[in-house]
Amino acid sequence: MLSKLIKETDIKNLKKKGIPYAVEKQKLIERSGWRTFKPVIDYKKCIKCGMCWLHCPDSAYTINKKGYPVCDGKVCKGCLLCVDICPVNAISIEKEKRNETKKGDKK
């Protein structure tokens, strides 16, 4: 079962081999509805080290064509390991915004 979700591949942008990533992200459970906090990347501070991408337990990060990490909010569960691992503090924490109505409010 796990072998269907995880596959080893040669990652072109980082020139690393054997790094697992989620093959079928679109079939994973969307987690943005239940997380409390989400990571926000400050691209002015980011040094493109790839540590967030490498250490993300959910493979929520991809690397764009310019070499910057991009977090997929649908896959990220909000563990915020990326915030702790970033060597230049380029990732901050933001409270997740929800479209909830208060009791008694009309929709």
PDB file of N, CA and C in Angstrom:
ATOM      1  N   MET A   1       0.821  -1.194   0.000  1.00  0.00           N
ATOM      2  CA  MET A   1       0.000   0.000   0.000  1.00  0.00           C
ATOM      3  C   MET A   1       0.867   1.259   0.000  1.00  0.00           C
ATOM      4  N   LEU A   2       1.827   1.329   0.906  1.00  0.00           N
ATOM      5  CA  LEU A   2       2.688   2.505   0.988  1.00  0.00           C
ATOM      6  C   LEU A   2       3.488   2.683  -0.298  1.00  0.00           C
ATOM      7  N   SER A   3       3.874   1.588  -0.924  1.00  0.00           N
ATOM      8  CA  SER A   3       4.658   1.688  -2.155  1.00  0.00           C
ATOM      9  C   SER A   3       3.857   2.339  -3.289  1.00  0.00           C
ATOM     10  N   LYS A   4       2.525   2.324  -3.195  1.00  0.00           N
ATOM     11  CA  LYS A   4       1.707   2.981  -4.207  1.00  0.00           C
ATOM     12  C   LYS A   4       1.694   4.494  -4.014  1.00  0.00           C
ATOM     13  N   LEU A   5       1.849   4.958  -2.775  1.00  0.00           N
ATOM     14  CA  LEU A   5       1.834   6.389  -2.491  1.00  0.00           C
ATOM     15  C   LEU A   5       3.216   7.010  -2.582  1.00  0.00           C
ATOM     16  N   ILE A   6       4.247   6.244  -2.262  1.00  0.00           N
ATOM     17  CA  ILE A   6       5.611   6.768  -2.218  1.00  0.00           C
ATOM     18  C   ILE A   6       6.431   6.145  -3.345  1.00  0.00           C
ATOM     19  N   LYS A   7       7.191   6.968  -4.012  1.00  0.00           N
ATOM     20  CA  LYS A   7       8.018   6.488  -5.108  1.00  0.00           C
ATOM     21  C   LYS A   7       9.353   7.232  -5.065  1.00  0.00           C
ATOM     22  N   GLU A   8      10.430   6.547  -5.312  1.00  0.00           N
ATOM     23  CA  GLU A   8      11.722   7.215  -5.367  1.00  0.00           C
ATOM     24  C   GLU A   8      11.922   7.779  -6.764  1.00  0.00           C
ATOM     25  N   THR A   9      12.481   8.953  -6.836  1.00  0.00           N
ATOM     26  CA  THR A   9      12.671   9.600  -8.126  1.00  0.00           C
ATOM     27  C   THR A   9      13.896  10.498  -8.092  1.00  0.00           C
ATOM     28  N   ASP A  10      14.371  10.863  -9.223  1.00  0.00           N
ATOM     29  CA  ASP A  10      15.464  11.815  -9.324  1.00  0.00           C
ATOM     30  C   ASP A  10      14.852  13.205  -9.367  1.00  0.00           C
ATOM     31  N   ILE A  11      15.117  14.018  -8.380  1.00  0.00           N
ATOM     32  CA  ILE A  11      14.560  15.358  -8.305  1.00  0.00           C
ATOM     33  C   ILE A  11      15.477  16.303  -9.061  1.00  0.00           C
ATOM     34  N   LYS A  12      15.003  16.841 -10.175  1.00  0.00           N
ATOM     35  CA  LYS A  12      15.829  17.668 -11.052  1.00  0.00           C
ATOM     36  C   LYS A  12      16.319  18.944 -10.376  1.00  0.00           C
ATOM     37  N   ASN A  13      15.430  19.665  -9.715  1.00  0.00           N
ATOM     38  CA  ASN A  13      15.791  20.959  -9.154  1.00  0.00           C
ATOM     39  C   ASN A  13      16.869  20.868  -8.079  1.00  0.00           C
ATOM     40  N   LEU A  14      16.816  19.856  -7.252  1.00  0.00           N
ATOM     41  CA  LEU A  14      17.757  19.753  -6.140  1.00  0.00           C
ATOM     42  C   LEU A  14      18.874  18.747  -6.397  1.00  0.00           C
ATOM     43  N   LYS A  15      18.817  18.096  -7.517  1.00  0.00           N
ATOM     44  CA  LYS A  15      19.811  17.092  -7.889  1.00  0.00           C
ATOM     45  C   LYS A  15      20.029  16.061  -6.783  1.00  0.00           C
ATOM     46  N   LYS A  16      18.922  15.643  -6.186  1.00  0.00           N
ATOM     47  CA  LYS A  16      18.965  14.623  -5.149  1.00  0.00           C
ATOM     48  C   LYS A  16      18.284  13.378  -5.692  1.00  0.00           C
ATOM     49  N   LYS A  17      18.744  12.239  -5.284  1.00  0.00           N
ATOM     50  CA  LYS A  17      18.177  10.995  -5.763  1.00  0.00           C
ATOM     51  C   LYS A  17      17.640  10.183  -4.583  1.00  0.00           C
ATOM     52  N   GLY A  18      16.535   9.530  -4.805  1.00  0.00           N
ATOM     53  CA  GLY A  18      15.990   8.646  -3.795  1.00  0.00           C
ATOM     54  C   GLY A  18      15.149   9.344  -2.746  1.00  0.00           C
ATOM     55  N   ILE A  19      14.703  10.568  -3.022  1.00  0.00           N
ATOM     56  CA  ILE A  19      13.868  11.282  -2.065  1.00  0.00           C
ATOM     57  C   ILE A  19      12.410  10.885  -2.317  1.00  0.00           C
ATOM     58  N   PRO A  20      11.711  10.381  -1.292  1.00  0.00           N
ATOM     59  CA  PRO A  20      10.311   9.994  -1.496  1.00  0.00           C
ATOM     60  C   PRO A  20       9.405  11.207  -1.634  1.00  0.00           C
ATOM     61  N   TYR A  21       8.367  11.045  -2.428  1.00  0.00           N
ATOM     62  CA  TYR A  21       7.359  12.087  -2.546  1.00  0.00           C
ATOM     63  C   TYR A  21       6.012  11.432  -2.819  1.00  0.00           C
ATOM     64  N   ALA A  22       4.937  12.142  -2.512  1.00  0.00           N
ATOM     65  CA  ALA A  22       3.604  11.602  -2.736  1.00  0.00           C
ATOM     66  C   ALA A  22       3.303  11.609  -4.227  1.00  0.00           C
ATOM     67  N   VAL A  23       3.007  10.448  -4.772  1.00  0.00           N
ATOM     68  CA  VAL A  23       2.758  10.314  -6.198  1.00  0.00           C
ATOM     69  C   VAL A  23       1.373  10.843  -6.560  1.00  0.00           C
ATOM     70  N   GLU A  24       0.395  10.537  -5.753  1.00  0.00           N
ATOM     71  CA  GLU A  24      -0.983  10.877  -6.084  1.00  0.00           C
ATOM     72  C   GLU A  24      -1.524  11.886  -5.079  1.00  0.00           C
ATOM     73  N   LYS A  25      -0.995  13.094  -5.080  1.00  0.00           N
ATOM     74  CA  LYS A  25      -1.428  14.103  -4.119  1.00  0.00           C
ATOM     75  C   LYS A  25      -2.911  14.426  -4.246  1.00  0.00           C
ATOM     76  N   GLN A  26      -3.436  14.407  -5.460  1.00  0.00           N
ATOM     77  CA  GLN A  26      -4.828  14.751  -5.640  1.00  0.00           C
ATOM     78  C   GLN A  26      -5.763  13.755  -4.965  1.00  0.00           C
ATOM     79  N   LYS A  27      -5.301  12.555  -4.662  1.00  0.00           N
ATOM     80  CA  LYS A  27      -6.147  11.556  -4.017  1.00  0.00           C
ATOM     81  C   LYS A  27      -5.972  11.548  -2.495  1.00  0.00           C
ATOM     82  N   LEU A  28      -5.047  12.362  -1.966  1.00  0.00           N
ATOM     83  CA  LEU A  28      -4.862  12.433  -0.532  1.00  0.00           C
ATOM     84  C   LEU A  28      -5.982  13.255   0.091  1.00  0.00           C
ATOM     85  N   ILE A  29      -6.212  13.054   1.362  1.00  0.00           N
ATOM     86  CA  ILE A  29      -7.258  13.784   2.072  1.00  0.00           C
ATOM     87  C   ILE A  29      -6.885  15.257   2.174  1.00  0.00           C
ATOM     88  N   GLU A  30      -7.820  16.135   1.854  1.00  0.00           N
ATOM     89  CA  GLU A  30      -7.572  17.563   2.007  1.00  0.00           C
ATOM     90  C   GLU A  30      -7.604  17.896   3.491  1.00  0.00           C
ATOM     91  N   ARG A  31      -6.528  18.508   3.967  1.00  0.00           N
ATOM     92  CA  ARG A  31      -6.371  18.736   5.393  1.00  0.00           C
ATOM     93  C   ARG A  31      -6.569  20.190   5.805  1.00  0.00           C
ATOM     94  N   SER A  32      -6.720  21.078   4.856  1.00  0.00           N
ATOM     95  CA  SER A  32      -6.795  22.503   5.195  1.00  0.00           C
ATOM     96  C   SER A  32      -8.015  22.833   6.051  1.00  0.00           C
ATOM     97  N   GLY A  33      -9.042  21.995   6.033  1.00  0.00           N
ATOM     98  CA  GLY A  33     -10.245  22.251   6.803  1.00  0.00           C
ATOM     99  C   GLY A  33     -10.103  22.013   8.290  1.00  0.00           C
ATOM    100  N   TRP A  34      -9.133  21.217   8.720  1.00  0.00           N
ATOM    101  CA  TRP A  34      -9.023  20.927  10.142  1.00  0.00           C
ATOM    102  C   TRP A  34      -7.744  21.415  10.788  1.00  0.00           C
ATOM    103  N   ARG A  35      -6.835  21.987  10.034  1.00  0.00           N
ATOM    104  CA  ARG A  35      -5.627  22.491  10.688  1.00  0.00           C
ATOM    105  C   ARG A  35      -5.905  23.869  11.289  1.00  0.00           C
ATOM    106  N   THR A  36      -5.149  24.222  12.321  1.00  0.00           N
ATOM    107  CA  THR A  36      -5.334  25.488  13.020  1.00  0.00           C
ATOM    108  C   THR A  36      -4.392  26.555  12.479  1.00  0.00           C
ATOM    109  N   PHE A  37      -3.150  26.162  12.179  1.00  0.00           N
ATOM    110  CA  PHE A  37      -2.149  27.088  11.677  1.00  0.00           C
ATOM    111  C   PHE A  37      -1.573  26.580  10.368  1.00  0.00           C
ATOM    112  N   LYS A  38      -1.087  27.505   9.551  1.00  0.00           N
ATOM    113  CA  LYS A  38      -0.478  27.126   8.282  1.00  0.00           C
ATOM    114  C   LYS A  38       0.850  27.861   8.119  1.00  0.00           C
ATOM    115  N   PRO A  39       1.783  27.270   7.359  1.00  0.00           N
ATOM    116  CA  PRO A  39       3.063  27.941   7.114  1.00  0.00           C
ATOM    117  C   PRO A  39       2.932  28.979   5.999  1.00  0.00           C
ATOM    118  N   VAL A  40       3.650  30.089   6.155  1.00  0.00           N
ATOM    119  CA  VAL A  40       3.678  31.146   5.139  1.00  0.00           C
ATOM    120  C   VAL A  40       5.144  31.456   4.854  1.00  0.00           C
ATOM    121  N   ILE A  41       5.540  31.377   3.582  1.00  0.00           N
ATOM    122  CA  ILE A  41       6.940  31.564   3.195  1.00  0.00           C
ATOM    123  C   ILE A  41       7.191  33.017   2.818  1.00  0.00           C
ATOM    124  N   ASP A  42       8.246  33.594   3.375  1.00  0.00           N
ATOM    125  CA  ASP A  42       8.707  34.932   2.988  1.00  0.00           C
ATOM    126  C   ASP A  42       9.815  34.717   1.958  1.00  0.00           C
ATOM    127  N   TYR A  43       9.485  34.911   0.696  1.00  0.00           N
ATOM    128  CA  TYR A  43      10.435  34.622  -0.378  1.00  0.00           C
ATOM    129  C   TYR A  43      11.609  35.592  -0.420  1.00  0.00           C
ATOM    130  N   LYS A  44      11.500  36.713   0.268  1.00  0.00           N
ATOM    131  CA  LYS A  44      12.633  37.644   0.351  1.00  0.00           C
ATOM    132  C   LYS A  44      13.730  37.096   1.272  1.00  0.00           C
ATOM    133  N   LYS A  45      13.327  36.285   2.245  1.00  0.00           N
ATOM    134  CA  LYS A  45      14.287  35.679   3.177  1.00  0.00           C
ATOM    135  C   LYS A  45      14.770  34.300   2.715  1.00  0.00           C
ATOM    136  N   CYS A  46      13.963  33.614   1.913  1.00  0.00           N
ATOM    137  CA  CYS A  46      14.255  32.230   1.510  1.00  0.00           C
ATOM    138  C   CYS A  46      15.567  32.139   0.733  1.00  0.00           C
ATOM    139  N   ILE A  47      16.400  31.150   1.115  1.00  0.00           N
ATOM    140  CA  ILE A  47      17.693  30.935   0.446  1.00  0.00           C
ATOM    141  C   ILE A  47      17.670  29.700  -0.458  1.00  0.00           C
ATOM    142  N   LYS A  48      16.484  29.138  -0.683  1.00  0.00           N
ATOM    143  CA  LYS A  48      16.296  27.984  -1.573  1.00  0.00           C
ATOM    144  C   LYS A  48      17.096  26.755  -1.135  1.00  0.00           C
ATOM    145  N   CYS A  49      17.199  26.537   0.162  1.00  0.00           N
ATOM    146  CA  CYS A  49      17.975  25.391   0.656  1.00  0.00           C
ATOM    147  C   CYS A  49      17.217  24.071   0.507  1.00  0.00           C
ATOM    148  N   GLY A  50      15.888  24.135   0.477  1.00  0.00           N
ATOM    149  CA  GLY A  50      15.085  22.927   0.313  1.00  0.00           C
ATOM    150  C   GLY A  50      14.867  22.125   1.577  1.00  0.00           C
ATOM    151  N   MET A  51      15.231  22.669   2.717  1.00  0.00           N
ATOM    152  CA  MET A  51      15.067  21.933   3.976  1.00  0.00           C
ATOM    153  C   MET A  51      13.585  21.693   4.295  1.00  0.00           C
ATOM    154  N   CYS A  52      12.734  22.658   4.012  1.00  0.00           N
ATOM    155  CA  CYS A  52      11.300  22.484   4.261  1.00  0.00           C
ATOM    156  C   CYS A  52      10.750  21.347   3.397  1.00  0.00           C
ATOM    157  N   TRP A  53      11.150  21.334   2.156  1.00  0.00           N
ATOM    158  CA  TRP A  53      10.727  20.288   1.211  1.00  0.00           C
ATOM    159  C   TRP A  53      11.220  18.917   1.657  1.00  0.00           C
ATOM    160  N   LEU A  54      12.455  18.868   2.083  1.00  0.00           N
ATOM    161  CA  LEU A  54      13.071  17.601   2.474  1.00  0.00           C
ATOM    162  C   LEU A  54      12.458  17.011   3.740  1.00  0.00           C
ATOM    163  N   HIS A  55      12.109  17.857   4.702  1.00  0.00           N
ATOM    164  CA  HIS A  55      11.648  17.376   6.007  1.00  0.00           C
ATOM    165  C   HIS A  55      10.140  17.308   6.169  1.00  0.00           C
ATOM    166  N   CYS A  56       9.379  17.775   5.200  1.00  0.00           N
ATOM    167  CA  CYS A  56       7.919  17.763   5.321  1.00  0.00           C
ATOM    168  C   CYS A  56       7.410  16.321   5.356  1.00  0.00           C
ATOM    169  N   PRO A  57       6.735  15.909   6.446  1.00  0.00           N
ATOM    170  CA  PRO A  57       6.265  14.524   6.547  1.00  0.00           C
ATOM    171  C   PRO A  57       5.108  14.197   5.596  1.00  0.00           C
ATOM    172  N   ASP A  58       4.474  15.213   5.037  1.00  0.00           N
ATOM    173  CA  ASP A  58       3.341  14.995   4.143  1.00  0.00           C
ATOM    174  C   ASP A  58       3.651  15.250   2.681  1.00  0.00           C
ATOM    175  N   SER A  59       4.895  15.584   2.373  1.00  0.00           N
ATOM    176  CA  SER A  59       5.290  15.931   1.003  1.00  0.00           C
ATOM    177  C   SER A  59       4.409  17.044   0.450  1.00  0.00           C
ATOM    178  N   ALA A  60       4.119  18.031   1.291  1.00  0.00           N
ATOM    179  CA  ALA A  60       3.271  19.154   0.887  1.00  0.00           C
ATOM    180  C   ALA A  60       4.045  20.184   0.067  1.00  0.00           C
ATOM    181  N   TYR A  61       5.368  20.122   0.111  1.00  0.00           N
ATOM    182  CA  TYR A  61       6.187  21.097  -0.602  1.00  0.00           C
ATOM    183  C   TYR A  61       6.633  20.583  -1.961  1.00  0.00           C
ATOM    184  N   THR A  62       6.624  21.484  -2.933  1.00  0.00           N
ATOM    185  CA  THR A  62       7.232  21.235  -4.232  1.00  0.00           C
ATOM    186  C   THR A  62       8.217  22.378  -4.462  1.00  0.00           C
ATOM    187  N   ILE A  63       9.063  22.229  -5.448  1.00  0.00           N
ATOM    188  CA  ILE A  63      10.031  23.272  -5.787  1.00  0.00           C
ATOM    189  C   ILE A  63       9.622  23.841  -7.148  1.00  0.00           C
ATOM    190  N   ASN A  64       9.435  25.165  -7.216  1.00  0.00           N
ATOM    191  CA  ASN A  64       9.018  25.763  -8.484  1.00  0.00           C
ATOM    192  C   ASN A  64      10.216  25.936  -9.428  1.00  0.00           C
ATOM    193  N   LYS A  65       9.981  26.458 -10.609  1.00  0.00           N
ATOM    194  CA  LYS A  65      11.030  26.580 -11.625  1.00  0.00           C
ATOM    195  C   LYS A  65      12.162  27.511 -11.209  1.00  0.00           C
ATOM    196  N   LYS A  66      11.868  28.445 -10.304  1.00  0.00           N
ATOM    197  CA  LYS A  66      12.897  29.369  -9.827  1.00  0.00           C
ATOM    198  C   LYS A  66      13.667  28.807  -8.643  1.00  0.00           C
ATOM    199  N   GLY A  67      13.297  27.609  -8.192  1.00  0.00           N
ATOM    200  CA  GLY A  67      14.002  26.956  -7.091  1.00  0.00           C
ATOM    201  C   GLY A  67      13.434  27.232  -5.719  1.00  0.00           C
ATOM    202  N   TYR A  68      12.313  27.937  -5.659  1.00  0.00           N
ATOM    203  CA  TYR A  68      11.691  28.243  -4.371  1.00  0.00           C
ATOM    204  C   TYR A  68      10.702  27.147  -3.972  1.00  0.00           C
ATOM    205  N   PRO A  69      10.571  26.896  -2.677  1.00  0.00           N
ATOM    206  CA  PRO A  69       9.581  25.928  -2.208  1.00  0.00           C
ATOM    207  C   PRO A  69       8.174  26.524  -2.259  1.00  0.00           C
ATOM    208  N   VAL A  70       7.203  25.683  -2.565  1.00  0.00           N
ATOM    209  CA  VAL A  70       5.804  26.086  -2.591  1.00  0.00           C
ATOM    210  C   VAL A  70       5.036  25.050  -1.779  1.00  0.00           C
ATOM    211  N   CYS A  71       4.276  25.516  -0.793  1.00  0.00           N
ATOM    212  CA  CYS A  71       3.505  24.608   0.054  1.00  0.00           C
ATOM    213  C   CYS A  71       2.096  24.438  -0.509  1.00  0.00           C
ATOM    214  N   ASP A  72       1.694  23.193  -0.703  1.00  0.00           N
ATOM    215  CA  ASP A  72       0.343  22.879  -1.170  1.00  0.00           C
ATOM    216  C   ASP A  72      -0.569  22.864   0.052  1.00  0.00           C
ATOM    217  N   GLY A  73      -1.408  23.867   0.165  1.00  0.00           N
ATOM    218  CA  GLY A  73      -2.286  24.005   1.318  1.00  0.00           C
ATOM    219  C   GLY A  73      -3.295  22.885   1.475  1.00  0.00           C
ATOM    220  N   LYS A  74      -3.599  22.184   0.406  1.00  0.00           N
ATOM    221  CA  LYS A  74      -4.540  21.074   0.494  1.00  0.00           C
ATOM    222  C   LYS A  74      -3.900  19.833   1.113  1.00  0.00           C
ATOM    223  N   VAL A  75      -2.593  19.718   1.003  1.00  0.00           N
ATOM    224  CA  VAL A  75      -1.877  18.548   1.509  1.00  0.00           C
ATOM    225  C   VAL A  75      -1.314  18.809   2.912  1.00  0.00           C
ATOM    226  N   CYS A  76      -0.898  20.035   3.173  1.00  0.00           N
ATOM    227  CA  CYS A  76      -0.282  20.399   4.454  1.00  0.00           C
ATOM    228  C   CYS A  76      -1.257  20.191   5.609  1.00  0.00           C
ATOM    229  N   LYS A  77      -0.803  19.478   6.651  1.00  0.00           N
ATOM    230  CA  LYS A  77      -1.668  19.258   7.812  1.00  0.00           C
ATOM    231  C   LYS A  77      -1.389  20.246   8.932  1.00  0.00           C
ATOM    232  N   GLY A  78      -0.402  21.112   8.758  1.00  0.00           N
ATOM    233  CA  GLY A  78      -0.133  22.147   9.741  1.00  0.00           C
ATOM    234  C   GLY A  78       0.734  21.707  10.900  1.00  0.00           C
ATOM    235  N   CYS A  79       1.615  20.746  10.695  1.00  0.00           N
ATOM    236  CA  CYS A  79       2.502  20.308  11.779  1.00  0.00           C
ATOM    237  C   CYS A  79       3.570  21.356  12.082  1.00  0.00           C
ATOM    238  N   LEU A  80       3.876  22.197  11.089  1.00  0.00           N
ATOM    239  CA  LEU A  80       4.811  23.318  11.202  1.00  0.00           C
ATOM    240  C   LEU A  80       6.254  22.905  11.470  1.00  0.00           C
ATOM    241  N   LEU A  81       6.607  21.699  11.105  1.00  0.00           N
ATOM    242  CA  LEU A  81       7.994  21.261  11.183  1.00  0.00           C
ATOM    243  C   LEU A  81       8.872  22.143  10.303  1.00  0.00           C
ATOM    244  N   CYS A  82       8.323  22.582   9.188  1.00  0.00           N
ATOM    245  CA  CYS A  82       9.058  23.443   8.259  1.00  0.00           C
ATOM    246  C   CYS A  82       9.482  24.755   8.924  1.00  0.00           C
ATOM    247  N   VAL A  83       8.653  25.278   9.806  1.00  0.00           N
ATOM    248  CA  VAL A  83       8.967  26.520  10.519  1.00  0.00           C
ATOM    249  C   VAL A  83      10.197  26.319  11.402  1.00  0.00           C
ATOM    250  N   ASP A  84      10.238  25.189  12.093  1.00  0.00           N
ATOM    251  CA  ASP A  84      11.367  24.889  12.987  1.00  0.00           C
ATOM    252  C   ASP A  84      12.644  24.577  12.223  1.00  0.00           C
ATOM    253  N   ILE A  85      12.534  23.958  11.064  1.00  0.00           N
ATOM    254  CA  ILE A  85      13.699  23.482  10.329  1.00  0.00           C
ATOM    255  C   ILE A  85      14.341  24.554   9.453  1.00  0.00           C
ATOM    256  N   CYS A  86      13.615  25.616   9.125  1.00  0.00           N
ATOM    257  CA  CYS A  86      14.133  26.655   8.235  1.00  0.00           C
ATOM    258  C   CYS A  86      15.320  27.381   8.886  1.00  0.00           C
ATOM    259  N   PRO A  87      16.502  27.345   8.242  1.00  0.00           N
ATOM    260  CA  PRO A  87      17.699  27.928   8.864  1.00  0.00           C
ATOM    261  C   PRO A  87      17.716  29.458   8.887  1.00  0.00           C
ATOM    262  N   VAL A  88      16.859  30.112   8.090  1.00  0.00           N
ATOM    263  CA  VAL A  88      16.858  31.580   8.046  1.00  0.00           C
ATOM    264  C   VAL A  88      15.520  32.173   8.494  1.00  0.00           C
ATOM    265  N   ASN A  89      14.681  31.353   9.105  1.00  0.00           N
ATOM    266  CA  ASN A  89      13.368  31.799   9.598  1.00  0.00           C
ATOM    267  C   ASN A  89      12.533  32.482   8.516  1.00  0.00           C
ATOM    268  N   ALA A  90      12.534  31.887   7.333  1.00  0.00           N
ATOM    269  CA  ALA A  90      11.764  32.435   6.215  1.00  0.00           C
ATOM    270  C   ALA A  90      10.313  31.952   6.226  1.00  0.00           C
ATOM    271  N   ILE A  91      10.000  31.010   7.106  1.00  0.00           N
ATOM    272  CA  ILE A  91       8.641  30.479   7.173  1.00  0.00           C
ATOM    273  C   ILE A  91       8.030  30.887   8.505  1.00  0.00           C
ATOM    274  N   SER A  92       6.895  31.552   8.421  1.00  0.00           N
ATOM    275  CA  SER A  92       6.208  31.985   9.631  1.00  0.00           C
ATOM    276  C   SER A  92       4.885  31.244   9.770  1.00  0.00           C
ATOM    277  N   ILE A  93       4.227  31.463  10.891  1.00  0.00           N
ATOM    278  CA  ILE A  93       2.966  30.788  11.196  1.00  0.00           C
ATOM    279  C   ILE A  93       1.822  31.781  11.040  1.00  0.00           C
ATOM    280  N   GLU A  94       0.770  31.330  10.382  1.00  0.00           N
ATOM    281  CA  GLU A  94      -0.430  32.150  10.229  1.00  0.00           C
ATOM    282  C   GLU A  94      -1.630  31.324  10.639  1.00  0.00           C
ATOM    283  N   LYS A  95      -2.534  31.937  11.391  1.00  0.00           N
ATOM    284  CA  LYS A  95      -3.741  31.230  11.800  1.00  0.00           C
ATOM    285  C   LYS A  95      -4.614  30.974  10.578  1.00  0.00           C
ATOM    286  N   GLU A  96      -5.121  29.767  10.488  1.00  0.00           N
ATOM    287  CA  GLU A  96      -5.972  29.375   9.357  1.00  0.00           C
ATOM    288  C   GLU A  96      -7.289  30.139   9.413  1.00  0.00           C
ATOM    289  N   LYS A  97      -7.683  30.722   8.297  1.00  0.00           N
ATOM    290  CA  LYS A  97      -8.954  31.441   8.219  1.00  0.00           C
ATOM    291  C   LYS A  97     -10.029  30.468   7.787  1.00  0.00           C
ATOM    292  N   ARG A  98     -11.128  30.516   8.484  1.00  0.00           N
ATOM    293  CA  ARG A  98     -12.239  29.628   8.159  1.00  0.00           C
ATOM    294  C   ARG A  98     -13.483  30.452   7.842  1.00  0.00           C
ATOM    295  N   ASN A  99     -14.320  29.923   6.998  1.00  0.00           N
ATOM    296  CA  ASN A  99     -15.587  30.572   6.663  1.00  0.00           C
ATOM    297  C   ASN A  99     -16.691  30.005   7.547  1.00  0.00           C
ATOM    298  N   GLU A 100     -16.548  30.232   8.846  1.00  0.00           N
ATOM    299  CA  GLU A 100     -17.531  29.725   9.790  1.00  0.00           C
ATOM    300  C   GLU A 100     -18.498  30.844  10.159  1.00  0.00           C
ATOM    301  N   THR A 101     -19.743  30.477  10.376  1.00  0.00           N
ATOM    302  CA  THR A 101     -20.723  31.463  10.827  1.00  0.00           C
ATOM    303  C   THR A 101     -20.927  31.280  12.317  1.00  0.00           C
ATOM    304  N   LYS A 102     -21.131  32.398  13.025  1.00  0.00           N
ATOM    305  CA  LYS A 102     -21.376  32.340  14.461  1.00  0.00           C
ATOM    306  C   LYS A 102     -22.802  31.847  14.716  1.00  0.00           C
ATOM    307  N   LYS A 103     -23.037  31.324  15.925  1.00  0.00           N
ATOM    308  CA  LYS A 103     -24.366  30.861  16.286  1.00  0.00           C
ATOM    309  C   LYS A 103     -25.348  32.023  16.169  1.00  0.00           C
ATOM    310  N   GLY A 104     -26.456  31.767  15.521  1.00  0.00           N
ATOM    311  CA  GLY A 104     -27.479  32.785  15.376  1.00  0.00           C
ATOM    312  C   GLY A 104     -27.337  33.616  14.105  1.00  0.00           C
ATOM    313  N   ASP A 105     -26.175  33.547  13.436  1.00  0.00           N
ATOM    314  CA  ASP A 105     -25.996  34.293  12.195  1.00  0.00           C
ATOM    315  C   ASP A 105     -26.740  33.604  11.070  1.00  0.00           C
ATOM    316  N   LYS A 106     -27.287  34.392  10.163  1.00  0.00           N
ATOM    317  CA  LYS A 106     -27.973  33.827   8.999  1.00  0.00           C
ATOM    318  C   LYS A 106     -26.964  33.636   7.890  1.00  0.00           C
ATOM    319  N   LYS A 107     -27.124  32.566   7.161  1.00  0.00           N
ATOM    320  CA  LYS A 107     -26.200  32.285   6.057  1.00  0.00           C
ATOM    321  C   LYS A 107     -26.573  33.072   4.836  1.00  0.00           C
TER     322      LYS A 107
END
